[in-house]
Amino acid sequence: MSDDRSGQPTLADVGEDGLLAAIFPRLPHAAGTLVGPGDDTAVVNAPDGRVVATTDVLVEGRDFRRDWSSAQDVGWKAAAQNLADVAAMGAVPTALLVGLVAPPELEVSWAVGLADGLAAACSGTGAGVVGGDLSSGPLIVVSVTALGDLQGRDPVLRSQARPGEVVAVAGPLGRSAAGWELLRLGRGDVAAELVAAHRRPTPPYASGVVAAVAGATSMLDVSDGLGRDLGRIARASGVGINLDGWLADASAFPELLAAAQVLSDPSLVLSWVLGGGEDHCLVATFPADATLPDGFDRIGEVIPATGPAPVLLDGEPLDTLGWDHFRP
């Protein structure tokens, strides 16, 4: 980690105005931005008349480590997890608002790198960074609020799944969790693509609109683990979910199995697939007679409510797996 002895300008050296002057030119602009950064508020076009809004916070040491991830990686991840939330409602992203808390001795180059990562993640999504806030504190905290447009469609909620429907997923499962485990155990050299998936997840943003148009009845992005997040759909909808047994077959995930074998624990594959989050893939339910849209693969079915265990794996209760911000 850098400090004021590195010879690089710090936030204390340039001050808030100097930092903003360095960052503003690097922020992406979106066509729907009517007033961008620099005023008391931004003004963003809302052609649908409704605004989808979500926010997430990344805390240094809890959600990212600077010895594992570059500033660009952190910016990318902060944007990606919010853009995925917008996509999970069947909307398209329009704007991001970014708050940064940082120690005064942080190098300006790190904050500039964060802006570059935000811009890179927004590229091709239609979203721009329209403003935010700065403050000082002992740790780096990055807060992102994303706005989106439903384009006249109804939002796809978590609460509309019904028994008999198909559960399907778009995007990879378990890759970010595997990358995190490799980094934790000092084996980040084993599978560069898995480590990259942890540092810079690539959610299937466009699949959110595709799913909404195809008639998805419920949807969310997998941020805390497939089992935990599907439990949220099940509870909100008053149903159960039975996942197909092939998800427990490690050989169905050769890339993950190879990494787990290097770590001498093939059982890790199951925990990565069912409990790993931060890939931000999209999981949705569709009517039984619907044709799954391109990019979605069946992983289970919606069943009547099953009692205290809302998610089953091949008919057996699935142990709670996944991330909880308030547990070790």
C-alpha atoms as a PDB file:
ATOM      1  CA  MET A   1       0.000   0.000   0.000  1.00  0.00           C
ATOM      2  CA  SER A   2       1.208   3.462  -0.833  1.00  0.00           C
ATOM      3  CA  ASP A   3       1.706   6.326   1.578  1.00  0.00           C
ATOM      4  CA  ASP A   4       3.057   9.873   1.518  1.00  0.00           C
ATOM      5  CA  ARG A   5       6.655   8.558   1.541  1.00  0.00           C
ATOM      6  CA  SER A   6       6.296   7.128  -1.960  1.00  0.00           C
ATOM      7  CA  GLY A   7       7.065  10.415  -3.667  1.00  0.00           C
ATOM      8  CA  GLN A   8       3.711  10.339  -5.483  1.00  0.00           C
ATOM      9  CA  PRO A   9       1.203  13.198  -4.958  1.00  0.00           C
ATOM     10  CA  THR A  10      -1.391  12.336  -2.334  1.00  0.00           C
ATOM     11  CA  LEU A  11      -4.947  13.483  -1.793  1.00  0.00           C
ATOM     12  CA  ALA A  12      -3.669  15.762   0.949  1.00  0.00           C
ATOM     13  CA  ASP A  13      -1.292  17.348  -1.552  1.00  0.00           C
ATOM     14  CA  VAL A  14      -3.890  18.200  -4.207  1.00  0.00           C
ATOM     15  CA  GLY A  15      -7.034  18.643  -2.095  1.00  0.00           C
ATOM     16  CA  GLU A  16     -10.606  17.966  -3.129  1.00  0.00           C
ATOM     17  CA  ASP A  17     -10.684  20.422  -6.025  1.00  0.00           C
ATOM     18  CA  GLY A  18      -7.429  19.094  -7.422  1.00  0.00           C
ATOM     19  CA  LEU A  19      -8.656  15.514  -7.250  1.00  0.00           C
ATOM     20  CA  LEU A  20     -11.919  16.376  -8.985  1.00  0.00           C
ATOM     21  CA  ALA A  21      -9.998  18.189 -11.705  1.00  0.00           C
ATOM     22  CA  ALA A  22      -7.990  15.009 -12.279  1.00  0.00           C
ATOM     23  CA  ILE A  23     -11.002  12.702 -12.245  1.00  0.00           C
ATOM     24  CA  PHE A  24     -13.738  14.562 -14.139  1.00  0.00           C
ATOM     25  CA  PRO A  25     -12.137  14.281 -17.599  1.00  0.00           C
ATOM     26  CA  ARG A  26     -11.841  10.505 -17.161  1.00  0.00           C
ATOM     27  CA  LEU A  27     -15.489   9.822 -16.283  1.00  0.00           C
ATOM     28  CA  PRO A  28     -17.727   8.320 -18.984  1.00  0.00           C
ATOM     29  CA  HIS A  29     -20.557  10.430 -20.374  1.00  0.00           C
ATOM     30  CA  ALA A  30     -23.920   8.949 -21.333  1.00  0.00           C
ATOM     31  CA  ALA A  31     -26.342  10.209 -23.943  1.00  0.00           C
ATOM     32  CA  GLY A  32     -29.095  10.536 -21.347  1.00  0.00           C
ATOM     33  CA  THR A  33     -27.085  12.882 -19.123  1.00  0.00           C
ATOM     34  CA  LEU A  34     -28.493  16.398 -19.355  1.00  0.00           C
ATOM     35  CA  VAL A  35     -26.296  17.931 -16.632  1.00  0.00           C
ATOM     36  CA  GLY A  36     -23.134  16.100 -15.621  1.00  0.00           C
ATOM     37  CA  PRO A  37     -20.656  16.472 -12.767  1.00  0.00           C
ATOM     38  CA  GLY A  38     -19.915  19.947 -11.466  1.00  0.00           C
ATOM     39  CA  ASP A  39     -23.260  21.247 -10.211  1.00  0.00           C
ATOM     40  CA  ASP A  40     -25.066  20.491  -6.956  1.00  0.00           C
ATOM     41  CA  THR A  41     -26.860  17.623  -8.696  1.00  0.00           C
ATOM     42  CA  ALA A  42     -26.784  15.893 -12.019  1.00  0.00           C
ATOM     43  CA  VAL A  43     -29.811  15.798 -14.294  1.00  0.00           C
ATOM     44  CA  VAL A  44     -30.503  12.519 -16.073  1.00  0.00           C
ATOM     45  CA  ASN A  45     -33.162  11.917 -18.686  1.00  0.00           C
ATOM     46  CA  ALA A  46     -35.882   9.435 -17.607  1.00  0.00           C
ATOM     47  CA  PRO A  47     -37.910   8.723 -20.747  1.00  0.00           C
ATOM     48  CA  ASP A  48     -39.888   5.906 -19.110  1.00  0.00           C
ATOM     49  CA  GLY A  49     -41.100   8.201 -16.315  1.00  0.00           C
ATOM     50  CA  ARG A  50     -39.814   5.703 -13.719  1.00  0.00           C
ATOM     51  CA  VAL A  51     -36.262   5.323 -12.427  1.00  0.00           C
ATOM     52  CA  VAL A  52     -34.657   2.069 -11.312  1.00  0.00           C
ATOM     53  CA  ALA A  53     -32.242   2.812  -8.444  1.00  0.00           C
ATOM     54  CA  THR A  54     -29.772   0.669  -6.507  1.00  0.00           C
ATOM     55  CA  THR A  55     -26.649   1.150  -4.405  1.00  0.00           C
ATOM     56  CA  ASP A  56     -23.713  -0.923  -3.154  1.00  0.00           C
ATOM     57  CA  VAL A  57     -20.720  -0.230  -0.932  1.00  0.00           C
ATOM     58  CA  LEU A  58     -17.202  -1.670  -1.157  1.00  0.00           C
ATOM     59  CA  VAL A  59     -15.102  -1.456   2.025  1.00  0.00           C
ATOM     60  CA  GLU A  60     -11.346  -1.960   1.970  1.00  0.00           C
ATOM     61  CA  GLY A  61     -10.334  -5.118   3.806  1.00  0.00           C
ATOM     62  CA  ARG A  62     -13.870  -6.495   3.672  1.00  0.00           C
ATOM     63  CA  ASP A  63     -14.855  -6.304   0.021  1.00  0.00           C
ATOM     64  CA  PHE A  64     -11.476  -5.776  -1.619  1.00  0.00           C
ATOM     65  CA  ARG A  65      -7.759  -5.803  -0.836  1.00  0.00           C
ATOM     66  CA  ARG A  66      -5.310  -3.449  -2.468  1.00  0.00           C
ATOM     67  CA  ASP A  67      -2.616  -6.127  -2.514  1.00  0.00           C
ATOM     68  CA  TRP A  68      -4.947  -8.333  -4.596  1.00  0.00           C
ATOM     69  CA  SER A  69      -6.693  -5.780  -6.783  1.00  0.00           C
ATOM     70  CA  SER A  70      -5.588  -2.632  -8.557  1.00  0.00           C
ATOM     71  CA  ALA A  71      -7.522   0.618  -8.336  1.00  0.00           C
ATOM     72  CA  GLN A  72      -8.886  -0.085 -11.803  1.00  0.00           C
ATOM     73  CA  ASP A  73     -10.090  -3.503 -10.622  1.00  0.00           C
ATOM     74  CA  VAL A  74     -11.910  -1.941  -7.664  1.00  0.00           C
ATOM     75  CA  GLY A  75     -13.569   0.648  -9.888  1.00  0.00           C
ATOM     76  CA  TRP A  76     -14.618  -2.029 -12.348  1.00  0.00           C
ATOM     77  CA  LYS A  77     -16.104  -4.230  -9.606  1.00  0.00           C
ATOM     78  CA  ALA A  78     -17.904  -1.309  -7.942  1.00  0.00           C
ATOM     79  CA  ALA A  79     -19.604  -0.442 -11.215  1.00  0.00           C
ATOM     80  CA  ALA A  80     -20.277  -4.030 -12.292  1.00  0.00           C
ATOM     81  CA  GLN A  81     -22.165  -5.080  -9.193  1.00  0.00           C
ATOM     82  CA  ASN A  82     -24.518  -2.115  -9.520  1.00  0.00           C
ATOM     83  CA  LEU A  83     -24.985  -2.427 -13.269  1.00  0.00           C
ATOM     84  CA  ALA A  84     -25.909  -6.084 -12.719  1.00  0.00           C
ATOM     85  CA  ASP A  85     -28.591  -5.084 -10.210  1.00  0.00           C
ATOM     86  CA  VAL A  86     -30.151  -2.783 -12.800  1.00  0.00           C
ATOM     87  CA  ALA A  87     -30.046  -5.559 -15.405  1.00  0.00           C
ATOM     88  CA  ALA A  88     -31.716  -7.948 -12.961  1.00  0.00           C
ATOM     89  CA  MET A  89     -34.795  -5.706 -12.952  1.00  0.00           C
ATOM     90  CA  GLY A  90     -35.011  -5.960 -16.737  1.00  0.00           C
ATOM     91  CA  ALA A  91     -33.761  -2.379 -17.120  1.00  0.00           C
ATOM     92  CA  VAL A  92     -30.882  -0.691 -18.895  1.00  0.00           C
ATOM     93  CA  PRO A  93     -28.392   1.387 -16.869  1.00  0.00           C
ATOM     94  CA  THR A  94     -28.292   5.134 -17.424  1.00  0.00           C
ATOM     95  CA  ALA A  95     -26.087   6.696 -14.740  1.00  0.00           C
ATOM     96  CA  LEU A  96     -23.808   6.064 -11.772  1.00  0.00           C
ATOM     97  CA  LEU A  97     -23.193   8.253  -8.716  1.00  0.00           C
ATOM     98  CA  VAL A  98     -19.949   7.459  -6.896  1.00  0.00           C
ATOM     99  CA  GLY A  99     -18.931   8.260  -3.325  1.00  0.00           C
ATOM    100  CA  LEU A 100     -15.296   7.854  -2.264  1.00  0.00           C
ATOM    101  CA  VAL A 101     -13.953   7.861   1.279  1.00  0.00           C
ATOM    102  CA  ALA A 102     -10.163   7.699   1.416  1.00  0.00           C
ATOM    103  CA  PRO A 103      -7.268   8.474   3.760  1.00  0.00           C
ATOM    104  CA  PRO A 104      -5.487  11.751   2.950  1.00  0.00           C
ATOM    105  CA  GLU A 105      -2.207   9.888   2.357  1.00  0.00           C
ATOM    106  CA  LEU A 106      -3.701   7.867  -0.496  1.00  0.00           C
ATOM    107  CA  GLU A 107      -1.934   8.516  -3.780  1.00  0.00           C
ATOM    108  CA  VAL A 108      -3.845  10.574  -6.339  1.00  0.00           C
ATOM    109  CA  SER A 109      -2.934   7.944  -8.930  1.00  0.00           C
ATOM    110  CA  TRP A 110      -5.021   5.367  -7.054  1.00  0.00           C
ATOM    111  CA  ALA A 111      -8.134   7.557  -7.163  1.00  0.00           C
ATOM    112  CA  VAL A 112      -7.525   8.275 -10.848  1.00  0.00           C
ATOM    113  CA  GLY A 113      -7.192   4.533 -11.460  1.00  0.00           C
ATOM    114  CA  LEU A 114     -10.515   3.992  -9.711  1.00  0.00           C
ATOM    115  CA  ALA A 115     -12.135   6.434 -12.142  1.00  0.00           C
ATOM    116  CA  ASP A 116     -10.567   4.584 -15.069  1.00  0.00           C
ATOM    117  CA  GLY A 117     -11.967   1.293 -13.786  1.00  0.00           C
ATOM    118  CA  LEU A 118     -15.436   2.778 -13.446  1.00  0.00           C
ATOM    119  CA  ALA A 119     -15.230   4.106 -16.988  1.00  0.00           C
ATOM    120  CA  ALA A 120     -14.044   0.771 -18.380  1.00  0.00           C
ATOM    121  CA  ALA A 121     -16.881  -1.136 -16.714  1.00  0.00           C
ATOM    122  CA  CYS A 122     -19.460   1.331 -18.048  1.00  0.00           C
ATOM    123  CA  SER A 123     -18.180   1.096 -21.610  1.00  0.00           C
ATOM    124  CA  GLY A 124     -20.839  -0.342 -23.869  1.00  0.00           C
ATOM    125  CA  THR A 125     -23.586  -0.314 -21.230  1.00  0.00           C
ATOM    126  CA  GLY A 126     -24.963   3.159 -21.978  1.00  0.00           C
ATOM    127  CA  ALA A 127     -24.276   4.385 -18.441  1.00  0.00           C
ATOM    128  CA  GLY A 128     -22.167   7.370 -17.445  1.00  0.00           C
ATOM    129  CA  VAL A 129     -20.797   8.616 -14.135  1.00  0.00           C
ATOM    130  CA  VAL A 130     -22.745  11.793 -13.387  1.00  0.00           C
ATOM    131  CA  GLY A 131     -21.472  12.814  -9.949  1.00  0.00           C
ATOM    132  CA  GLY A 132     -20.834  11.729  -6.373  1.00  0.00           C
ATOM    133  CA  ASP A 133     -19.058  12.810  -3.217  1.00  0.00           C
ATOM    134  CA  LEU A 134     -15.644  12.761  -1.523  1.00  0.00           C
ATOM    135  CA  SER A 135     -14.682  12.433   2.127  1.00  0.00           C
ATOM    136  CA  SER A 136     -11.712  11.332   4.215  1.00  0.00           C
ATOM    137  CA  GLY A 137     -11.475   8.343   6.518  1.00  0.00           C
ATOM    138  CA  PRO A 138      -9.065   5.652   7.723  1.00  0.00           C
ATOM    139  CA  LEU A 139     -10.075   3.126   5.033  1.00  0.00           C
ATOM    140  CA  ILE A 140     -11.069   3.329   1.402  1.00  0.00           C
ATOM    141  CA  VAL A 141     -14.824   3.020   0.923  1.00  0.00           C
ATOM    142  CA  VAL A 142     -16.401   3.153  -2.521  1.00  0.00           C
ATOM    143  CA  SER A 143     -20.159   3.639  -2.760  1.00  0.00           C
ATOM    144  CA  VAL A 144     -21.935   3.473  -6.096  1.00  0.00           C
ATOM    145  CA  THR A 145     -25.562   4.273  -6.842  1.00  0.00           C
ATOM    146  CA  ALA A 146     -26.839   3.162 -10.234  1.00  0.00           C
ATOM    147  CA  LEU A 147     -29.905   4.424 -12.075  1.00  0.00           C
ATOM    148  CA  GLY A 148     -31.714   2.624 -14.866  1.00  0.00           C
ATOM    149  CA  ASP A 149     -34.563   2.869 -17.356  1.00  0.00           C
ATOM    150  CA  LEU A 150     -37.269   0.222 -17.824  1.00  0.00           C
ATOM    151  CA  GLN A 151     -38.063   1.403 -21.376  1.00  0.00           C
ATOM    152  CA  GLY A 152     -41.778   0.908 -20.831  1.00  0.00           C
ATOM    153  CA  ARG A 153     -41.550  -2.640 -19.458  1.00  0.00           C
ATOM    154  CA  ASP A 154     -42.703  -3.812 -16.049  1.00  0.00           C
ATOM    155  CA  PRO A 155     -39.862  -4.433 -13.606  1.00  0.00           C
ATOM    156  CA  VAL A 156     -38.967  -8.095 -13.087  1.00  0.00           C
ATOM    157  CA  LEU A 157     -39.376  -8.662  -9.344  1.00  0.00           C
ATOM    158  CA  ARG A 158     -38.301 -11.452  -7.008  1.00  0.00           C
ATOM    159  CA  SER A 159     -41.840 -12.135  -5.888  1.00  0.00           C
ATOM    160  CA  GLN A 160     -43.594 -13.532  -8.965  1.00  0.00           C
ATOM    161  CA  ALA A 161     -42.148 -17.059  -9.343  1.00  0.00           C
ATOM    162  CA  ARG A 162     -44.787 -19.802  -9.459  1.00  0.00           C
ATOM    163  CA  PRO A 163     -44.639 -23.610  -9.079  1.00  0.00           C
ATOM    164  CA  GLY A 164     -43.973 -25.419 -12.338  1.00  0.00           C
ATOM    165  CA  GLU A 165     -41.745 -22.705 -13.764  1.00  0.00           C
ATOM    166  CA  VAL A 166     -38.198 -23.242 -14.972  1.00  0.00           C
ATOM    167  CA  VAL A 167     -35.159 -21.777 -13.195  1.00  0.00           C
ATOM    168  CA  ALA A 168     -32.372 -20.708 -15.541  1.00  0.00           C
ATOM    169  CA  VAL A 169     -29.091 -18.834 -15.313  1.00  0.00           C
ATOM    170  CA  ALA A 170     -27.138 -16.581 -17.686  1.00  0.00           C
ATOM    171  CA  GLY A 171     -23.428 -16.256 -17.052  1.00  0.00           C
ATOM    172  CA  PRO A 172     -20.839 -18.403 -15.266  1.00  0.00           C
ATOM    173  CA  LEU A 173     -21.133 -19.780 -11.744  1.00  0.00           C
ATOM    174  CA  GLY A 174     -18.347 -20.033  -9.185  1.00  0.00           C
ATOM    175  CA  ARG A 175     -15.522 -18.365 -11.075  1.00  0.00           C
ATOM    176  CA  SER A 176     -15.131 -15.335  -8.809  1.00  0.00           C
ATOM    177  CA  ALA A 177     -15.269 -17.493  -5.684  1.00  0.00           C
ATOM    178  CA  ALA A 178     -12.606 -19.774  -7.093  1.00  0.00           C
ATOM    179  CA  GLY A 179     -10.400 -16.795  -7.915  1.00  0.00           C
ATOM    180  CA  TRP A 180     -10.835 -15.443  -4.388  1.00  0.00           C
ATOM    181  CA  GLU A 181      -9.861 -18.813  -2.887  1.00  0.00           C
ATOM    182  CA  LEU A 182      -6.761 -19.013  -5.066  1.00  0.00           C
ATOM    183  CA  LEU A 183      -5.696 -15.541  -3.993  1.00  0.00           C
ATOM    184  CA  ARG A 184      -6.418 -16.310  -0.334  1.00  0.00           C
ATOM    185  CA  LEU A 185      -4.197 -19.371  -0.444  1.00  0.00           C
ATOM    186  CA  GLY A 186      -1.416 -17.622  -2.340  1.00  0.00           C
ATOM    187  CA  ARG A 187      -2.053 -19.551  -5.558  1.00  0.00           C
ATOM    188  CA  GLY A 188      -3.132 -16.718  -7.780  1.00  0.00           C
ATOM    189  CA  ASP A 189      -0.709 -18.052 -10.388  1.00  0.00           C
ATOM    190  CA  VAL A 190      -2.737 -21.240 -10.904  1.00  0.00           C
ATOM    191  CA  ALA A 191      -5.653 -20.020 -13.033  1.00  0.00           C
ATOM    192  CA  ALA A 192      -5.299 -16.466 -14.282  1.00  0.00           C
ATOM    193  CA  GLU A 193      -8.785 -16.462 -15.809  1.00  0.00           C
ATOM    194  CA  LEU A 194     -10.413 -17.297 -12.455  1.00  0.00           C
ATOM    195  CA  VAL A 195      -8.417 -14.640 -10.615  1.00  0.00           C
ATOM    196  CA  ALA A 196      -9.430 -12.157 -13.329  1.00  0.00           C
ATOM    197  CA  ALA A 197     -13.076 -13.165 -12.824  1.00  0.00           C
ATOM    198  CA  HIS A 198     -12.776 -12.222  -9.165  1.00  0.00           C
ATOM    199  CA  ARG A 199     -11.063  -8.923  -9.863  1.00  0.00           C
ATOM    200  CA  ARG A 200     -13.240  -7.917 -12.806  1.00  0.00           C
ATOM    201  CA  PRO A 201     -16.541  -9.815 -13.067  1.00  0.00           C
ATOM    202  CA  THR A 202     -18.320  -9.617 -16.417  1.00  0.00           C
ATOM    203  CA  PRO A 203     -22.076  -9.848 -15.764  1.00  0.00           C
ATOM    204  CA  PRO A 204     -24.318 -10.542 -18.768  1.00  0.00           C
ATOM    205  CA  TYR A 205     -25.982  -7.120 -18.622  1.00  0.00           C
ATOM    206  CA  ALA A 206     -27.892  -7.464 -21.895  1.00  0.00           C
ATOM    207  CA  SER A 207     -29.453 -10.723 -20.726  1.00  0.00           C
ATOM    208  CA  GLY A 208     -31.587  -8.817 -18.224  1.00  0.00           C
ATOM    209  CA  VAL A 209     -33.582  -7.089 -20.947  1.00  0.00           C
ATOM    210  CA  VAL A 210     -33.603 -10.296 -23.000  1.00  0.00           C
ATOM    211  CA  ALA A 211     -35.103 -12.193 -20.055  1.00  0.00           C
ATOM    212  CA  ALA A 212     -37.711  -9.497 -19.404  1.00  0.00           C
ATOM    213  CA  VAL A 213     -38.818  -9.495 -23.036  1.00  0.00           C
ATOM    214  CA  ALA A 214     -38.965 -13.318 -23.003  1.00  0.00           C
ATOM    215  CA  GLY A 215     -41.390 -13.259 -20.074  1.00  0.00           C
ATOM    216  CA  ALA A 216     -39.204 -13.875 -17.033  1.00  0.00           C
ATOM    217  CA  THR A 217     -41.414 -13.947 -13.948  1.00  0.00           C
ATOM    218  CA  SER A 218     -38.656 -13.255 -11.400  1.00  0.00           C
ATOM    219  CA  MET A 219     -34.970 -12.445 -11.575  1.00  0.00           C
ATOM    220  CA  LEU A 220     -31.943 -11.330  -9.570  1.00  0.00           C
ATOM    221  CA  ASP A 221     -28.199 -11.199  -9.964  1.00  0.00           C
ATOM    222  CA  VAL A 222     -26.144 -13.743  -8.024  1.00  0.00           C
ATOM    223  CA  SER A 223     -24.003 -11.650  -5.709  1.00  0.00           C
ATOM    224  CA  ASP A 224     -24.120 -13.613  -2.438  1.00  0.00           C
ATOM    225  CA  GLY A 225     -24.237 -17.189  -3.756  1.00  0.00           C
ATOM    226  CA  LEU A 226     -26.688 -19.124  -5.920  1.00  0.00           C
ATOM    227  CA  GLY A 227     -28.299 -20.977  -3.017  1.00  0.00           C
ATOM    228  CA  ARG A 228     -28.671 -17.902  -0.819  1.00  0.00           C
ATOM    229  CA  ASP A 229     -29.975 -15.685  -3.619  1.00  0.00           C
ATOM    230  CA  LEU A 230     -32.449 -18.269  -4.908  1.00  0.00           C
ATOM    231  CA  GLY A 231     -33.691 -18.524  -1.334  1.00  0.00           C
ATOM    232  CA  ARG A 232     -34.597 -14.850  -1.606  1.00  0.00           C
ATOM    233  CA  ILE A 233     -36.711 -15.519  -4.692  1.00  0.00           C
ATOM    234  CA  ALA A 234     -38.327 -18.495  -2.973  1.00  0.00           C
ATOM    235  CA  ARG A 235     -39.236 -16.567   0.176  1.00  0.00           C
ATOM    236  CA  ALA A 236     -40.445 -13.493  -1.718  1.00  0.00           C
ATOM    237  CA  SER A 237     -42.614 -15.647  -3.986  1.00  0.00           C
ATOM    238  CA  GLY A 238     -43.812 -18.116  -1.347  1.00  0.00           C
ATOM    239  CA  VAL A 239     -42.433 -21.110  -3.270  1.00  0.00           C
ATOM    240  CA  GLY A 240     -39.628 -23.627  -3.164  1.00  0.00           C
ATOM    241  CA  ILE A 241     -36.856 -24.181  -5.702  1.00  0.00           C
ATOM    242  CA  ASN A 242     -35.381 -27.554  -6.626  1.00  0.00           C
ATOM    243  CA  LEU A 243     -32.014 -27.352  -8.339  1.00  0.00           C
ATOM    244  CA  ASP A 244     -30.998 -30.006 -10.846  1.00  0.00           C
ATOM    245  CA  GLY A 245     -28.584 -32.626  -9.531  1.00  0.00           C
ATOM    246  CA  TRP A 246     -25.963 -32.005 -12.212  1.00  0.00           C
ATOM    247  CA  LEU A 247     -24.945 -28.840 -10.363  1.00  0.00           C
ATOM    248  CA  ALA A 248     -23.321 -31.105  -7.750  1.00  0.00           C
ATOM    249  CA  ASP A 249     -21.215 -32.869 -10.390  1.00  0.00           C
ATOM    250  CA  ALA A 250     -17.769 -31.283 -10.280  1.00  0.00           C
ATOM    251  CA  SER A 251     -16.949 -32.690 -13.725  1.00  0.00           C
ATOM    252  CA  ALA A 252     -19.593 -30.348 -15.183  1.00  0.00           C
ATOM    253  CA  PHE A 253     -17.262 -27.457 -14.301  1.00  0.00           C
ATOM    254  CA  PRO A 254     -13.845 -28.529 -15.632  1.00  0.00           C
ATOM    255  CA  GLU A 255     -12.222 -25.128 -15.152  1.00  0.00           C
ATOM    256  CA  LEU A 256     -13.257 -25.017 -11.504  1.00  0.00           C
ATOM    257  CA  LEU A 257     -12.374 -28.676 -10.947  1.00  0.00           C
ATOM    258  CA  ALA A 258      -8.845 -28.125 -12.238  1.00  0.00           C
ATOM    259  CA  ALA A 259      -8.345 -25.288  -9.754  1.00  0.00           C
ATOM    260  CA  ALA A 260      -9.837 -27.305  -6.893  1.00  0.00           C
ATOM    261  CA  GLN A 261      -7.549 -30.241  -7.669  1.00  0.00           C
ATOM    262  CA  VAL A 262      -4.528 -27.945  -7.463  1.00  0.00           C
ATOM    263  CA  LEU A 263      -5.790 -27.041  -3.977  1.00  0.00           C
ATOM    264  CA  SER A 264      -6.233 -30.781  -3.219  1.00  0.00           C
ATOM    265  CA  ASP A 265      -9.928 -30.370  -2.457  1.00  0.00           C
ATOM    266  CA  PRO A 266     -12.345 -31.229  -5.306  1.00  0.00           C
ATOM    267  CA  SER A 267     -15.279 -30.604  -2.944  1.00  0.00           C
ATOM    268  CA  LEU A 268     -14.561 -26.890  -3.306  1.00  0.00           C
ATOM    269  CA  VAL A 269     -16.310 -26.936  -6.674  1.00  0.00           C
ATOM    270  CA  LEU A 270     -19.713 -27.454  -5.061  1.00  0.00           C
ATOM    271  CA  SER A 271     -19.196 -24.605  -2.609  1.00  0.00           C
ATOM    272  CA  TRP A 272     -18.006 -22.299  -5.385  1.00  0.00           C
ATOM    273  CA  VAL A 273     -20.948 -23.099  -7.686  1.00  0.00           C
ATOM    274  CA  LEU A 274     -23.696 -22.998  -5.060  1.00  0.00           C
ATOM    275  CA  GLY A 275     -22.172 -20.591  -2.538  1.00  0.00           C
ATOM    276  CA  GLY A 276     -19.893 -18.372  -4.552  1.00  0.00           C
ATOM    277  CA  GLY A 277     -21.146 -14.917  -5.419  1.00  0.00           C
ATOM    278  CA  GLU A 278     -19.746 -11.873  -7.205  1.00  0.00           C
ATOM    279  CA  ASP A 279     -19.901 -13.366 -10.676  1.00  0.00           C
ATOM    280  CA  HIS A 280     -23.156 -11.415 -10.877  1.00  0.00           C
ATOM    281  CA  CYS A 281     -24.701 -13.844 -13.304  1.00  0.00           C
ATOM    282  CA  LEU A 282     -28.461 -13.487 -13.729  1.00  0.00           C
ATOM    283  CA  VAL A 283     -30.823 -16.173 -12.456  1.00  0.00           C
ATOM    284  CA  ALA A 284     -34.457 -16.043 -13.508  1.00  0.00           C
ATOM    285  CA  THR A 285     -37.660 -18.060 -13.581  1.00  0.00           C
ATOM    286  CA  PHE A 286     -39.677 -18.603 -16.756  1.00  0.00           C
ATOM    287  CA  PRO A 287     -43.061 -20.164 -17.503  1.00  0.00           C
ATOM    288  CA  ALA A 288     -42.790 -23.910 -18.077  1.00  0.00           C
ATOM    289  CA  ASP A 289     -43.859 -23.616 -21.725  1.00  0.00           C
ATOM    290  CA  ALA A 290     -41.513 -20.713 -22.522  1.00  0.00           C
ATOM    291  CA  THR A 291     -38.499 -21.081 -24.761  1.00  0.00           C
ATOM    292  CA  LEU A 292     -35.463 -20.045 -22.778  1.00  0.00           C
ATOM    293  CA  PRO A 293     -33.823 -16.999 -24.354  1.00  0.00           C
ATOM    294  CA  ASP A 294     -30.316 -17.187 -25.755  1.00  0.00           C
ATOM    295  CA  GLY A 295     -27.696 -17.208 -23.031  1.00  0.00           C
ATOM    296  CA  PHE A 296     -29.877 -18.881 -20.392  1.00  0.00           C
ATOM    297  CA  ASP A 297     -29.447 -22.492 -19.263  1.00  0.00           C
ATOM    298  CA  ARG A 298     -31.868 -24.495 -17.135  1.00  0.00           C
ATOM    299  CA  ILE A 299     -30.666 -25.281 -13.605  1.00  0.00           C
ATOM    300  CA  GLY A 300     -33.885 -26.287 -11.831  1.00  0.00           C
ATOM    301  CA  GLU A 301     -37.586 -25.760 -11.312  1.00  0.00           C
ATOM    302  CA  VAL A 302     -39.954 -23.871  -9.050  1.00  0.00           C
ATOM    303  CA  ILE A 303     -41.924 -26.134  -6.705  1.00  0.00           C
ATOM    304  CA  PRO A 304     -44.487 -25.553  -3.949  1.00  0.00           C
ATOM    305  CA  ALA A 305     -43.085 -24.116  -0.732  1.00  0.00           C
ATOM    306  CA  THR A 306     -40.942 -26.676   1.097  1.00  0.00           C
ATOM    307  CA  GLY A 307     -40.894 -25.299   4.651  1.00  0.00           C
ATOM    308  CA  PRO A 308     -37.747 -24.076   6.410  1.00  0.00           C
ATOM    309  CA  ALA A 309     -35.422 -25.104   3.548  1.00  0.00           C
ATOM    310  CA  PRO A 310     -36.621 -23.074   0.552  1.00  0.00           C
ATOM    311  CA  VAL A 311     -33.951 -24.387  -1.831  1.00  0.00           C
ATOM    312  CA  LEU A 312     -33.363 -28.063  -2.568  1.00  0.00           C
ATOM    313  CA  LEU A 313     -30.669 -29.825  -4.563  1.00  0.00           C
ATOM    314  CA  ASP A 314     -32.069 -32.849  -6.380  1.00  0.00           C
ATOM    315  CA  GLY A 315     -34.824 -33.053  -3.783  1.00  0.00           C
ATOM    316  CA  GLU A 316     -32.607 -32.707  -0.710  1.00  0.00           C
ATOM    317  CA  PRO A 317     -32.437 -29.554   1.463  1.00  0.00           C
ATOM    318  CA  LEU A 318     -29.498 -27.374   0.484  1.00  0.00           C
ATOM    319  CA  ASP A 319     -27.347 -26.137   3.341  1.00  0.00           C
ATOM    320  CA  THR A 320     -27.187 -22.360   3.493  1.00  0.00           C
ATOM    321  CA  LEU A 321     -24.194 -21.283   1.478  1.00  0.00           C
ATOM    322  CA  GLY A 322     -23.029 -17.863   0.429  1.00  0.00           C
ATOM    323  CA  TRP A 323     -21.944 -14.481   1.671  1.00  0.00           C
ATOM    324  CA  ASP A 324     -23.356 -12.625   4.669  1.00  0.00           C
ATOM    325  CA  HIS A 325     -21.911  -9.167   5.318  1.00  0.00           C
ATOM    326  CA  PHE A 326     -22.349  -9.464   9.074  1.00  0.00           C
ATOM    327  CA  ARG A 327     -20.785 -12.886   9.563  1.00  0.00           C
ATOM    328  CA  PRO A 328     -17.094 -13.838   9.478  1.00  0.00           C
END
